[in-house]
Amino acid sequence: IGDGLFLAAALSWAVFGLLMRRWQIRPQLGILGIASFSLVTYMPVYL
């Protein structure tokens, strides 16, 4: 089960990398966006 989840995580990261390159988003802005949107969408659900 863990191995399958790891493969799915790898697919998710691969898509992220390809989209970053395709959209030519500046790395620093891309990381700021990931962190910000993850915060506002995940933390309320978690809490």
PDB file of all heavy atoms in Angstrom:
ATOM      1  N   ILE A   1       0.841  -1.196   0.000  1.00  0.00           N
ATOM      2  CA  ILE A   1       0.000   0.000   0.000  1.00  0.00           C
ATOM      3  C   ILE A   1       0.876   1.245   0.000  1.00  0.00           C
ATOM      4  O   ILE A   1       0.644   2.203  -0.750  1.00  0.00           O
ATOM      5  CB  ILE A   1      -0.936   0.010   1.225  1.00  0.00           C
ATOM      6  CG1 ILE A   1      -1.864  -1.220   1.196  1.00  0.00           C
ATOM      7  CG2 ILE A   1      -1.752   1.304   1.264  1.00  0.00           C
ATOM      8  CD1 ILE A   1      -2.756  -1.336   2.427  1.00  0.00           C
ATOM      9  N   GLY A   2       1.907   1.237   0.852  1.00  0.00           N
ATOM     10  CA  GLY A   2       2.833   2.360   0.884  1.00  0.00           C
ATOM     11  C   GLY A   2       3.557   2.535  -0.436  1.00  0.00           C
ATOM     12  O   GLY A   2       3.750   3.671  -0.906  1.00  0.00           O
ATOM     13  N   ASP A   3       3.942   1.423  -1.070  1.00  0.00           N
ATOM     14  CA  ASP A   3       4.635   1.504  -2.354  1.00  0.00           C
ATOM     15  C   ASP A   3       3.744   2.142  -3.420  1.00  0.00           C
ATOM     16  O   ASP A   3       4.190   2.953  -4.234  1.00  0.00           O
ATOM     17  CB  ASP A   3       5.077   0.109  -2.807  1.00  0.00           C
ATOM     18  CG  ASP A   3       6.099  -0.512  -1.851  1.00  0.00           C
ATOM     19  OD1 ASP A   3       6.741   0.248  -1.096  1.00  0.00           O
ATOM     20  OD2 ASP A   3       6.249  -1.741  -1.865  1.00  0.00           O
ATOM     21  N   GLY A   4       2.467   1.760  -3.411  1.00  0.00           N
ATOM     22  CA  GLY A   4       1.531   2.355  -4.365  1.00  0.00           C
ATOM     23  C   GLY A   4       1.342   3.844  -4.118  1.00  0.00           C
ATOM     24  O   GLY A   4       1.262   4.635  -5.066  1.00  0.00           O
ATOM     25  N   LEU A   5       1.287   4.229  -2.851  1.00  0.00           N
ATOM     26  CA  LEU A   5       1.166   5.653  -2.521  1.00  0.00           C
ATOM     27  C   LEU A   5       2.416   6.421  -2.941  1.00  0.00           C
ATOM     28  O   LEU A   5       2.334   7.562  -3.410  1.00  0.00           O
ATOM     29  CB  LEU A   5       0.921   5.820  -1.023  1.00  0.00           C
ATOM     30  CG  LEU A   5      -0.458   5.344  -0.517  1.00  0.00           C
ATOM     31  CD1 LEU A   5      -0.475   5.281   1.008  1.00  0.00           C
ATOM     32  CD2 LEU A   5      -1.560   6.271  -1.019  1.00  0.00           C
ATOM     33  N   PHE A   6       3.586   5.809  -2.785  1.00  0.00           N
ATOM     34  CA  PHE A   6       4.831   6.456  -3.211  1.00  0.00           C
ATOM     35  C   PHE A   6       4.845   6.666  -4.721  1.00  0.00           C
ATOM     36  O   PHE A   6       5.282   7.715  -5.211  1.00  0.00           O
ATOM     37  CB  PHE A   6       6.034   5.609  -2.805  1.00  0.00           C
ATOM     38  CG  PHE A   6       6.303   5.584  -1.318  1.00  0.00           C
ATOM     39  CD1 PHE A   6       6.836   4.456  -0.710  1.00  0.00           C
ATOM     40  CD2 PHE A   6       6.031   6.693  -0.531  1.00  0.00           C
ATOM     41  CE1 PHE A   6       7.091   4.437   0.645  1.00  0.00           C
ATOM     42  CE2 PHE A   6       6.276   6.678   0.840  1.00  0.00           C
ATOM     43  CZ  PHE A   6       6.809   5.541   1.428  1.00  0.00           C
ATOM     44  N   LEU A   7       4.387   5.683  -5.475  1.00  0.00           N
ATOM     45  CA  LEU A   7       4.334   5.830  -6.932  1.00  0.00           C
ATOM     46  C   LEU A   7       3.360   6.940  -7.336  1.00  0.00           C
ATOM     47  O   LEU A   7       3.623   7.700  -8.272  1.00  0.00           O
ATOM     48  CB  LEU A   7       3.931   4.506  -7.579  1.00  0.00           C
ATOM     49  CG  LEU A   7       5.028   3.460  -7.713  1.00  0.00           C
ATOM     50  CD1 LEU A   7       4.447   2.145  -8.224  1.00  0.00           C
ATOM     51  CD2 LEU A   7       6.131   3.947  -8.658  1.00  0.00           C
ATOM     52  N   ALA A   8       2.239   7.015  -6.626  1.00  0.00           N
ATOM     53  CA  ALA A   8       1.269   8.084  -6.912  1.00  0.00           C
ATOM     54  C   ALA A   8       1.866   9.450  -6.566  1.00  0.00           C
ATOM     55  O   ALA A   8       1.652  10.435  -7.289  1.00  0.00           O
ATOM     56  CB  ALA A   8      -0.017   7.846  -6.126  1.00  0.00           C
ATOM     57  N   ALA A   9       2.617   9.521  -5.472  1.00  0.00           N
ATOM     58  CA  ALA A   9       3.279  10.782  -5.106  1.00  0.00           C
ATOM     59  C   ALA A   9       4.295  11.183  -6.168  1.00  0.00           C
ATOM     60  O   ALA A   9       4.424  12.365  -6.509  1.00  0.00           O
ATOM     61  CB  ALA A   9       3.962  10.635  -3.743  1.00  0.00           C
ATOM     62  N   ALA A  10       5.023  10.194  -6.695  1.00  0.00           N
ATOM     63  CA  ALA A  10       6.002  10.471  -7.750  1.00  0.00           C
ATOM     64  C   ALA A  10       5.319  11.021  -8.997  1.00  0.00           C
ATOM     65  O   ALA A  10       5.825  11.951  -9.638  1.00  0.00           O
ATOM     66  CB  ALA A  10       6.779   9.201  -8.087  1.00  0.00           C
ATOM     67  N   LEU A  11       4.166  10.466  -9.354  1.00  0.00           N
ATOM     68  CA  LEU A  11       3.412  10.955 -10.506  1.00  0.00           C
ATOM     69  C   LEU A  11       2.969  12.400 -10.269  1.00  0.00           C
ATOM     70  O   LEU A  11       3.062  13.245 -11.172  1.00  0.00           O
ATOM     71  CB  LEU A  11       2.197  10.064 -10.757  1.00  0.00           C
ATOM     72  CG  LEU A  11       1.222  10.531 -11.853  1.00  0.00           C
ATOM     73  CD1 LEU A  11       1.924  10.640 -13.196  1.00  0.00           C
ATOM     74  CD2 LEU A  11       0.032   9.571 -11.935  1.00  0.00           C
ATOM     75  N   SER A  12       2.505  12.688  -9.069  1.00  0.00           N
ATOM     76  CA  SER A  12       2.053  14.039  -8.748  1.00  0.00           C
ATOM     77  C   SER A  12       3.202  15.037  -8.869  1.00  0.00           C
ATOM     78  O   SER A  12       3.052  16.122  -9.443  1.00  0.00           O
ATOM     79  CB  SER A  12       1.484  14.061  -7.318  1.00  0.00           C
ATOM     80  OG  SER A  12       0.895  15.296  -7.023  1.00  0.00           O
ATOM     81  N   TRP A  13       4.388  14.662  -8.376  1.00  0.00           N
ATOM     82  CA  TRP A  13       5.543  15.565  -8.454  1.00  0.00           C
ATOM     83  C   TRP A  13       6.028  15.726  -9.894  1.00  0.00           C
ATOM     84  O   TRP A  13       6.460  16.815 -10.292  1.00  0.00           O
ATOM     85  CB  TRP A  13       6.663  15.043  -7.570  1.00  0.00           C
ATOM     86  CG  TRP A  13       7.799  16.016  -7.443  1.00  0.00           C
ATOM     87  CD1 TRP A  13       8.926  16.069  -8.206  1.00  0.00           C
ATOM     88  CD2 TRP A  13       7.906  17.101  -6.519  1.00  0.00           C
ATOM     89  NE1 TRP A  13       9.736  17.102  -7.821  1.00  0.00           N
ATOM     90  CE2 TRP A  13       9.138  17.763  -6.779  1.00  0.00           C
ATOM     91  CE3 TRP A  13       7.083  17.578  -5.488  1.00  0.00           C
ATOM     92  CZ2 TRP A  13       9.549  18.868  -6.040  1.00  0.00           C
ATOM     93  CZ3 TRP A  13       7.503  18.676  -4.762  1.00  0.00           C
ATOM     94  CH2 TRP A  13       8.728  19.306  -5.045  1.00  0.00           C
ATOM     95  N   ALA A  14       5.964  14.653 -10.676  1.00  0.00           N
ATOM     96  CA  ALA A  14       6.378  14.742 -12.076  1.00  0.00           C
ATOM     97  C   ALA A  14       5.485  15.717 -12.837  1.00  0.00           C
ATOM     98  O   ALA A  14       5.972  16.526 -13.642  1.00  0.00           O
ATOM     99  CB  ALA A  14       6.331  13.358 -12.723  1.00  0.00           C
ATOM    100  N   VAL A  15       4.181  15.664 -12.592  1.00  0.00           N
ATOM    101  CA  VAL A  15       3.251  16.594 -13.239  1.00  0.00           C
ATOM    102  C   VAL A  15       3.560  18.021 -12.814  1.00  0.00           C
ATOM    103  O   VAL A  15       3.568  18.946 -13.640  1.00  0.00           O
ATOM    104  CB  VAL A  15       1.792  16.222 -12.894  1.00  0.00           C
ATOM    105  CG1 VAL A  15       0.833  17.291 -13.393  1.00  0.00           C
ATOM    106  CG2 VAL A  15       1.441  14.866 -13.494  1.00  0.00           C
ATOM    107  N   PHE A  16       3.849  18.213 -11.537  1.00  0.00           N
ATOM    108  CA  PHE A  16       4.221  19.539 -11.034  1.00  0.00           C
ATOM    109  C   PHE A  16       5.447  20.090 -11.771  1.00  0.00           C
ATOM    110  O   PHE A  16       5.450  21.238 -12.227  1.00  0.00           O
ATOM    111  CB  PHE A  16       4.496  19.451  -9.529  1.00  0.00           C
ATOM    112  CG  PHE A  16       5.424  20.511  -9.011  1.00  0.00           C
ATOM    113  CD1 PHE A  16       5.013  21.832  -8.903  1.00  0.00           C
ATOM    114  CD2 PHE A  16       6.717  20.181  -8.628  1.00  0.00           C
ATOM    115  CE1 PHE A  16       5.870  22.812  -8.419  1.00  0.00           C
ATOM    116  CE2 PHE A  16       7.584  21.147  -8.142  1.00  0.00           C
ATOM    117  CZ  PHE A  16       7.160  22.466  -8.040  1.00  0.00           C
ATOM    118  N   GLY A  17       6.485  19.276 -11.898  1.00  0.00           N
ATOM    119  CA  GLY A  17       7.693  19.733 -12.564  1.00  0.00           C
ATOM    120  C   GLY A  17       7.466  20.105 -14.017  1.00  0.00           C
ATOM    121  O   GLY A  17       7.989  21.115 -14.507  1.00  0.00           O
ATOM    122  N   LEU A  18       6.686  19.302 -14.712  1.00  0.00           N
ATOM    123  CA  LEU A  18       6.412  19.569 -16.121  1.00  0.00           C
ATOM    124  C   LEU A  18       5.558  20.825 -16.300  1.00  0.00           C
ATOM    125  O   LEU A  18       5.764  21.605 -17.235  1.00  0.00           O
ATOM    126  CB  LEU A  18       5.728  18.357 -16.753  1.00  0.00           C
ATOM    127  CG  LEU A  18       6.627  17.126 -16.939  1.00  0.00           C
ATOM    128  CD1 LEU A  18       5.794  15.904 -17.284  1.00  0.00           C
ATOM    129  CD2 LEU A  18       7.676  17.384 -18.007  1.00  0.00           C
ATOM    130  N   LEU A  19       4.594  21.033 -15.410  1.00  0.00           N
ATOM    131  CA  LEU A  19       3.759  22.236 -15.494  1.00  0.00           C
ATOM    132  C   LEU A  19       4.570  23.490 -15.193  1.00  0.00           C
ATOM    133  O   LEU A  19       4.386  24.528 -15.847  1.00  0.00           O
ATOM    134  CB  LEU A  19       2.581  22.130 -14.521  1.00  0.00           C
ATOM    135  CG  LEU A  19       1.474  21.151 -14.908  1.00  0.00           C
ATOM    136  CD1 LEU A  19       0.409  21.094 -13.825  1.00  0.00           C
ATOM    137  CD2 LEU A  19       0.847  21.529 -16.241  1.00  0.00           C
ATOM    138  N   MET A  20       5.470  23.408 -14.223  1.00  0.00           N
ATOM    139  CA  MET A  20       6.323  24.559 -13.917  1.00  0.00           C
ATOM    140  C   MET A  20       7.127  24.970 -15.139  1.00  0.00           C
ATOM    141  O   MET A  20       7.264  26.164 -15.440  1.00  0.00           O
ATOM    142  CB  MET A  20       7.264  24.209 -12.770  1.00  0.00           C
ATOM    143  CG  MET A  20       6.642  24.293 -11.391  1.00  0.00           C
ATOM    144  SD  MET A  20       6.337  25.986 -10.807  1.00  0.00           S
ATOM    145  CE  MET A  20       8.011  26.602 -10.633  1.00  0.00           C
ATOM    146  N   ARG A  21       7.658  23.981 -15.845  1.00  0.00           N
ATOM    147  CA  ARG A  21       8.475  24.289 -17.020  1.00  0.00           C
ATOM    148  C   ARG A  21       7.608  24.782 -18.174  1.00  0.00           C
ATOM    149  O   ARG A  21       7.971  25.723 -18.879  1.00  0.00           O
ATOM    150  CB  ARG A  21       9.268  23.059 -17.440  1.00  0.00           C
ATOM    151  CG  ARG A  21      10.194  23.316 -18.630  1.00  0.00           C
ATOM    152  CD  ARG A  21      11.125  22.152 -18.875  1.00  0.00           C
ATOM    153  NE  ARG A  21      11.944  22.350 -20.050  1.00  0.00           N
ATOM    154  CZ  ARG A  21      13.057  23.064 -20.094  1.00  0.00           C
ATOM    155  NH1 ARG A  21      13.493  23.648 -18.989  1.00  0.00           N
ATOM    156  NH2 ARG A  21      13.759  23.199 -21.208  1.00  0.00           N
ATOM    157  N   ARG A  22       6.453  24.152 -18.369  1.00  0.00           N
ATOM    158  CA  ARG A  22       5.590  24.522 -19.489  1.00  0.00           C
ATOM    159  C   ARG A  22       5.053  25.943 -19.321  1.00  0.00           C
ATOM    160  O   ARG A  22       4.997  26.721 -20.283  1.00  0.00           O
ATOM    161  CB  ARG A  22       4.422  23.537 -19.599  1.00  0.00           C
ATOM    162  CG  ARG A  22       3.476  23.831 -20.753  1.00  0.00           C
ATOM    163  CD  ARG A  22       2.380  22.785 -20.837  1.00  0.00           C
ATOM    164  NE  ARG A  22       1.485  23.045 -21.941  1.00  0.00           N
ATOM    165  CZ  ARG A  22       1.680  22.648 -23.192  1.00  0.00           C
ATOM    166  NH1 ARG A  22       2.780  21.978 -23.493  1.00  0.00           N
ATOM    167  NH2 ARG A  22       0.814  22.914 -24.144  1.00  0.00           N
ATOM    168  N   TRP A  23       4.664  26.306 -18.110  1.00  0.00           N
ATOM    169  CA  TRP A  23       4.101  27.636 -17.857  1.00  0.00           C
ATOM    170  C   TRP A  23       5.171  28.693 -17.600  1.00  0.00           C
ATOM    171  O   TRP A  23       4.846  29.874 -17.483  1.00  0.00           O
ATOM    172  CB  TRP A  23       3.141  27.571 -16.668  1.00  0.00           C
ATOM    173  CG  TRP A  23       1.878  26.826 -16.971  1.00  0.00           C
ATOM    174  CD1 TRP A  23       1.345  26.600 -18.200  1.00  0.00           C
ATOM    175  CD2 TRP A  23       0.986  26.221 -16.018  1.00  0.00           C
ATOM    176  NE1 TRP A  23       0.166  25.891 -18.080  1.00  0.00           N
ATOM    177  CE2 TRP A  23      -0.080  25.634 -16.763  1.00  0.00           C
ATOM    178  CE3 TRP A  23       0.972  26.103 -14.631  1.00  0.00           C
ATOM    179  CZ2 TRP A  23      -1.135  24.964 -16.145  1.00  0.00           C
ATOM    180  CZ3 TRP A  23      -0.073  25.424 -14.012  1.00  0.00           C
ATOM    181  CH2 TRP A  23      -1.109  24.867 -14.768  1.00  0.00           C
ATOM    182  N   GLN A  24       6.432  28.257 -17.489  1.00  0.00           N
ATOM    183  CA  GLN A  24       7.558  29.179 -17.273  1.00  0.00           C
ATOM    184  C   GLN A  24       7.317  30.095 -16.068  1.00  0.00           C
ATOM    185  O   GLN A  24       7.535  31.310 -16.132  1.00  0.00           O
ATOM    186  CB  GLN A  24       7.824  30.005 -18.536  1.00  0.00           C
ATOM    187  CG  GLN A  24       8.453  29.216 -19.669  1.00  0.00           C
ATOM    188  CD  GLN A  24       9.856  28.713 -19.327  1.00  0.00           C
ATOM    189  OE1 GLN A  24      10.756  29.478 -19.078  1.00  0.00           O
ATOM    190  NE2 GLN A  24      10.019  27.395 -19.298  1.00  0.00           N
ATOM    191  N   ILE A  25       6.870  29.477 -14.998  1.00  0.00           N
ATOM    192  CA  ILE A  25       6.663  30.223 -13.756  1.00  0.00           C
ATOM    193  C   ILE A  25       7.991  30.315 -13.009  1.00  0.00           C
ATOM    194  O   ILE A  25       8.696  29.317 -12.858  1.00  0.00           O
ATOM    195  CB  ILE A  25       5.595  29.533 -12.881  1.00  0.00           C
ATOM    196  CG1 ILE A  25       4.230  29.613 -13.577  1.00  0.00           C
ATOM    197  CG2 ILE A  25       5.518  30.171 -11.497  1.00  0.00           C
ATOM    198  CD1 ILE A  25       3.129  28.905 -12.845  1.00  0.00           C
ATOM    199  N   ARG A  26       8.330  31.509 -12.562  1.00  0.00           N
ATOM    200  CA  ARG A  26       9.579  31.698 -11.831  1.00  0.00           C
ATOM    201  C   ARG A  26       9.584  30.805 -10.592  1.00  0.00           C
ATOM    202  O   ARG A  26       8.596  30.751  -9.836  1.00  0.00           O
ATOM    203  CB  ARG A  26       9.742  33.154 -11.429  1.00  0.00           C
ATOM    204  CG  ARG A  26      10.002  34.091 -12.612  1.00  0.00           C
ATOM    205  CD  ARG A  26       9.868  35.542 -12.203  1.00  0.00           C
ATOM    206  NE  ARG A  26      10.776  35.875 -11.103  1.00  0.00           N
ATOM    207  CZ  ARG A  26      10.716  37.020 -10.419  1.00  0.00           C
ATOM    208  NH1 ARG A  26       9.780  37.920 -10.721  1.00  0.00           N
ATOM    209  NH2 ARG A  26      11.571  37.261  -9.449  1.00  0.00           N
ATOM    210  N   PRO A  27      10.681  30.069 -10.362  1.00  0.00           N
ATOM    211  CA  PRO A  27      10.717  29.105  -9.254  1.00  0.00           C
ATOM    212  C   PRO A  27      10.307  29.688  -7.908  1.00  0.00           C
ATOM    213  O   PRO A  27       9.518  29.069  -7.179  1.00  0.00           O
ATOM    214  CB  PRO A  27      12.176  28.644  -9.250  1.00  0.00           C
ATOM    215  CG  PRO A  27      12.631  28.817 -10.651  1.00  0.00           C
ATOM    216  CD  PRO A  27      11.925  30.042 -11.155  1.00  0.00           C
ATOM    217  N   GLN A  28      10.819  30.882  -7.584  1.00  0.00           N
ATOM    218  CA  GLN A  28      10.499  31.449  -6.277  1.00  0.00           C
ATOM    219  C   GLN A  28       9.014  31.783  -6.147  1.00  0.00           C
ATOM    220  O   GLN A  28       8.417  31.582  -5.083  1.00  0.00           O
ATOM    221  CB  GLN A  28      11.355  32.685  -5.981  1.00  0.00           C
ATOM    222  CG  GLN A  28      11.239  33.824  -6.987  1.00  0.00           C
ATOM    223  CD  GLN A  28      12.246  33.734  -8.103  1.00  0.00           C
ATOM    224  OE1 GLN A  28      12.489  32.650  -8.628  1.00  0.00           O
ATOM    225  NE2 GLN A  28      12.848  34.871  -8.467  1.00  0.00           N
ATOM    226  N   LEU A  29       8.404  32.247  -7.236  1.00  0.00           N
ATOM    227  CA  LEU A  29       6.971  32.549  -7.191  1.00  0.00           C
ATOM    228  C   LEU A  29       6.147  31.266  -7.154  1.00  0.00           C
ATOM    229  O   LEU A  29       5.115  31.198  -6.478  1.00  0.00           O
ATOM    230  CB  LEU A  29       6.572  33.402  -8.396  1.00  0.00           C
ATOM    231  CG  LEU A  29       7.230  34.780  -8.499  1.00  0.00           C
ATOM    232  CD1 LEU A  29       6.681  35.543  -9.691  1.00  0.00           C
ATOM    233  CD2 LEU A  29       7.032  35.582  -7.213  1.00  0.00           C
ATOM    234  N   GLY A  30       6.597  30.254  -7.875  1.00  0.00           N
ATOM    235  CA  GLY A  30       5.888  28.976  -7.863  1.00  0.00           C
ATOM    236  C   GLY A  30       5.844  28.361  -6.480  1.00  0.00           C
ATOM    237  O   GLY A  30       4.812  27.846  -6.030  1.00  0.00           O
ATOM    238  N   ILE A  31       6.970  28.410  -5.775  1.00  0.00           N
ATOM    239  CA  ILE A  31       7.021  27.836  -4.433  1.00  0.00           C
ATOM    240  C   ILE A  31       6.190  28.659  -3.454  1.00  0.00           C
ATOM    241  O   ILE A  31       5.522  28.111  -2.567  1.00  0.00           O
ATOM    242  CB  ILE A  31       8.489  27.732  -3.970  1.00  0.00           C
ATOM    243  CG1 ILE A  31       9.265  26.836  -4.917  1.00  0.00           C
ATOM    244  CG2 ILE A  31       8.567  27.197  -2.551  1.00  0.00           C
ATOM    245  CD1 ILE A  31       8.596  25.503  -5.219  1.00  0.00           C
ATOM    246  N   LEU A  32       6.204  29.976  -3.612  1.00  0.00           N
ATOM    247  CA  LEU A  32       5.347  30.813  -2.767  1.00  0.00           C
ATOM    248  C   LEU A  32       3.877  30.462  -2.972  1.00  0.00           C
ATOM    249  O   LEU A  32       3.097  30.403  -2.007  1.00  0.00           O
ATOM    250  CB  LEU A  32       5.578  32.290  -3.084  1.00  0.00           C
ATOM    251  CG  LEU A  32       6.933  32.891  -2.696  1.00  0.00           C
ATOM    252  CD1 LEU A  32       7.000  34.347  -3.154  1.00  0.00           C
ATOM    253  CD2 LEU A  32       7.182  32.786  -1.204  1.00  0.00           C
ATOM    254  N   GLY A  33       3.489  30.232  -4.227  1.00  0.00           N
ATOM    255  CA  GLY A  33       2.097  29.895  -4.519  1.00  0.00           C
ATOM    256  C   GLY A  33       1.702  28.543  -3.957  1.00  0.00           C
ATOM    257  O   GLY A  33       0.605  28.386  -3.396  1.00  0.00           O
ATOM    258  N   ILE A  34       2.578  27.546  -4.100  1.00  0.00           N
ATOM    259  CA  ILE A  34       2.279  26.215  -3.568  1.00  0.00           C
ATOM    260  C   ILE A  34       2.077  26.280  -2.066  1.00  0.00           C
ATOM    261  O   ILE A  34       1.106  25.733  -1.516  1.00  0.00           O
ATOM    262  CB  ILE A  34       3.422  25.237  -3.918  1.00  0.00           C
ATOM    263  CG1 ILE A  34       3.413  24.923  -5.409  1.00  0.00           C
ATOM    264  CG2 ILE A  34       3.293  23.950  -3.111  1.00  0.00           C
ATOM    265  CD1 ILE A  34       4.586  24.084  -5.843  1.00  0.00           C
ATOM    266  N   ALA A  35       3.009  26.936  -1.377  1.00  0.00           N
ATOM    267  CA  ALA A  35       2.914  27.022   0.079  1.00  0.00           C
ATOM    268  C   ALA A  35       1.657  27.781   0.512  1.00  0.00           C
ATOM    269  O   ALA A  35       0.964  27.376   1.454  1.00  0.00           O
ATOM    270  CB  ALA A  35       4.169  27.703   0.631  1.00  0.00           C
ATOM    271  N   SER A  36       1.344  28.881  -0.182  1.00  0.00           N
ATOM    272  CA  SER A  36       0.203  29.716   0.211  1.00  0.00           C
ATOM    273  C   SER A  36      -1.126  28.996  -0.002  1.00  0.00           C
ATOM    274  O   SER A  36      -1.975  28.955   0.899  1.00  0.00           O
ATOM    275  CB  SER A  36       0.228  31.030  -0.579  1.00  0.00           C
ATOM    276  OG  SER A  36       1.420  31.753  -0.317  1.00  0.00           O
ATOM    277  N   PHE A  37      -1.326  28.437  -1.188  1.00  0.00           N
ATOM    278  CA  PHE A  37      -2.590  27.759  -1.465  1.00  0.00           C
ATOM    279  C   PHE A  37      -2.744  26.485  -0.637  1.00  0.00           C
ATOM    280  O   PHE A  37      -3.856  26.129  -0.238  1.00  0.00           O
ATOM    281  CB  PHE A  37      -2.709  27.439  -2.960  1.00  0.00           C
ATOM    282  CG  PHE A  37      -3.222  28.586  -3.780  1.00  0.00           C
ATOM    283  CD1 PHE A  37      -2.364  29.348  -4.556  1.00  0.00           C
ATOM    284  CD2 PHE A  37      -4.564  28.917  -3.762  1.00  0.00           C
ATOM    285  CE1 PHE A  37      -2.838  30.410  -5.310  1.00  0.00           C
ATOM    286  CE2 PHE A  37      -5.045  29.979  -4.513  1.00  0.00           C
ATOM    287  CZ  PHE A  37      -4.179  30.729  -5.283  1.00  0.00           C
ATOM    288  N   SER A  38      -1.640  25.792  -0.368  1.00  0.00           N
ATOM    289  CA  SER A  38      -1.709  24.604   0.484  1.00  0.00           C
ATOM    290  C   SER A  38      -2.120  24.990   1.900  1.00  0.00           C
ATOM    291  O   SER A  38      -2.883  24.272   2.557  1.00  0.00           O
ATOM    292  CB  SER A  38      -0.355  23.891   0.505  1.00  0.00           C
ATOM    293  OG  SER A  38      -0.018  23.407  -0.775  1.00  0.00           O
ATOM    294  N   LEU A  39      -1.615  26.127   2.380  1.00  0.00           N
ATOM    295  CA  LEU A  39      -1.976  26.598   3.718  1.00  0.00           C
ATOM    296  C   LEU A  39      -3.465  26.887   3.828  1.00  0.00           C
ATOM    297  O   LEU A  39      -4.144  26.375   4.738  1.00  0.00           O
ATOM    298  CB  LEU A  39      -1.175  27.860   4.047  1.00  0.00           C
ATOM    299  CG  LEU A  39      -1.593  28.626   5.307  1.00  0.00           C
ATOM    300  CD1 LEU A  39      -1.182  27.861   6.558  1.00  0.00           C
ATOM    301  CD2 LEU A  39      -0.985  30.024   5.325  1.00  0.00           C
ATOM    302  N   VAL A  40      -3.993  27.690   2.904  1.00  0.00           N
ATOM    303  CA  VAL A  40      -5.375  28.151   3.041  1.00  0.00           C
ATOM    304  C   VAL A  40      -6.393  27.059   2.733  1.00  0.00           C
ATOM    305  O   VAL A  40      -7.535  27.122   3.192  1.00  0.00           O
ATOM    306  CB  VAL A  40      -5.636  29.389   2.153  1.00  0.00           C
ATOM    307  CG1 VAL A  40      -4.733  30.531   2.565  1.00  0.00           C
ATOM    308  CG2 VAL A  40      -5.436  29.064   0.678  1.00  0.00           C
ATOM    309  N   THR A  41      -6.002  26.032   1.974  1.00  0.00           N
ATOM    310  CA  THR A  41      -6.946  24.953   1.673  1.00  0.00           C
ATOM    311  C   THR A  41      -6.836  23.783   2.644  1.00  0.00           C
ATOM    312  O   THR A  41      -7.846  23.157   2.995  1.00  0.00           O
ATOM    313  CB  THR A  41      -6.737  24.421   0.243  1.00  0.00           C
ATOM    314  OG1 THR A  41      -5.369  24.009   0.084  1.00  0.00           O
ATOM    315  CG2 THR A  41      -7.048  25.492  -0.781  1.00  0.00           C
ATOM    316  N   TYR A  42      -5.635  23.503   3.106  1.00  0.00           N
ATOM    317  CA  TYR A  42      -5.454  22.300   3.940  1.00  0.00           C
ATOM    318  C   TYR A  42      -5.669  22.565   5.424  1.00  0.00           C
ATOM    319  O   TYR A  42      -6.327  21.770   6.106  1.00  0.00           O
ATOM    320  CB  TYR A  42      -4.054  21.727   3.732  1.00  0.00           C
ATOM    321  CG  TYR A  42      -3.778  20.516   4.607  1.00  0.00           C
ATOM    322  CD1 TYR A  42      -4.326  19.272   4.288  1.00  0.00           C
ATOM    323  CD2 TYR A  42      -3.000  20.623   5.754  1.00  0.00           C
ATOM    324  CE1 TYR A  42      -4.094  18.168   5.092  1.00  0.00           C
ATOM    325  CE2 TYR A  42      -2.759  19.518   6.560  1.00  0.00           C
ATOM    326  CZ  TYR A  42      -3.303  18.297   6.226  1.00  0.00           C
ATOM    327  OH  TYR A  42      -3.078  17.196   7.018  1.00  0.00           O
ATOM    328  N   MET A  43      -5.113  23.652   5.942  1.00  0.00           N
ATOM    329  CA  MET A  43      -5.132  23.852   7.387  1.00  0.00           C
ATOM    330  C   MET A  43      -6.538  23.924   7.990  1.00  0.00           C
ATOM    331  O   MET A  43      -6.770  23.337   9.060  1.00  0.00           O
ATOM    332  CB  MET A  43      -4.320  25.104   7.742  1.00  0.00           C
ATOM    333  CG  MET A  43      -2.822  24.948   7.512  1.00  0.00           C
ATOM    334  SD  MET A  43      -2.086  23.518   8.362  1.00  0.00           S
ATOM    335  CE  MET A  43      -2.301  23.993  10.078  1.00  0.00           C
ATOM    336  N   PRO A  44      -7.512  24.605   7.370  1.00  0.00           N
ATOM    337  CA  PRO A  44      -8.859  24.571   7.953  1.00  0.00           C
ATOM    338  C   PRO A  44      -9.436  23.158   8.025  1.00  0.00           C
ATOM    339  O   PRO A  44     -10.073  22.786   9.028  1.00  0.00           O
ATOM    340  CB  PRO A  44      -9.672  25.458   6.992  1.00  0.00           C
ATOM    341  CG  PRO A  44      -8.661  26.369   6.383  1.00  0.00           C
ATOM    342  CD  PRO A  44      -7.428  25.530   6.224  1.00  0.00           C
ATOM    343  N   VAL A  45      -9.217  22.361   6.973  1.00  0.00           N
ATOM    344  CA  VAL A  45      -9.711  20.976   6.971  1.00  0.00           C
ATOM    345  C   VAL A  45      -9.022  20.171   8.064  1.00  0.00           C
ATOM    346  O   VAL A  45      -9.659  19.391   8.795  1.00  0.00           O
ATOM    347  CB  VAL A  45      -9.487  20.335   5.585  1.00  0.00           C
ATOM    348  CG1 VAL A  45      -9.908  18.873   5.599  1.00  0.00           C
ATOM    349  CG2 VAL A  45     -10.233  21.107   4.513  1.00  0.00           C
ATOM    350  N   TYR A  46      -7.714  20.345   8.183  1.00  0.00           N
ATOM    351  CA  TYR A  46      -6.956  19.615   9.199  1.00  0.00           C
ATOM    352  C   TYR A  46      -7.430  19.971  10.602  1.00  0.00           C
ATOM    353  O   TYR A  46      -7.676  19.082  11.443  1.00  0.00           O
ATOM    354  CB  TYR A  46      -5.466  19.923   9.033  1.00  0.00           C
ATOM    355  CG  TYR A  46      -4.614  19.475  10.198  1.00  0.00           C
ATOM    356  CD1 TYR A  46      -4.279  18.133  10.371  1.00  0.00           C
ATOM    357  CD2 TYR A  46      -4.141  20.403  11.131  1.00  0.00           C
ATOM    358  CE1 TYR A  46      -3.507  17.721  11.447  1.00  0.00           C
ATOM    359  CE2 TYR A  46      -3.368  20.001  12.204  1.00  0.00           C
ATOM    360  CZ  TYR A  46      -3.049  18.661  12.360  1.00  0.00           C
ATOM    361  OH  TYR A  46      -2.282  18.254  13.424  1.00  0.00           O
ATOM    362  N   LEU A  47      -7.573  21.250  10.874  1.00  0.00           N
ATOM    363  CA  LEU A  47      -7.930  21.685  12.224  1.00  0.00           C
ATOM    364  C   LEU A  47      -9.345  21.272  12.611  1.00  0.00           C
ATOM    365  O   LEU A  47      -9.628  21.006  13.786  1.00  0.00           O
ATOM    366  CB  LEU A  47      -7.785  23.204  12.332  1.00  0.00           C
ATOM    367  CG  LEU A  47      -6.341  23.736  12.239  1.00  0.00           C
ATOM    368  CD1 LEU A  47      -6.334  25.257  12.157  1.00  0.00           C
ATOM    369  CD2 LEU A  47      -5.512  23.266  13.425  1.00  0.00           C
TER     370      LEU A  47
END
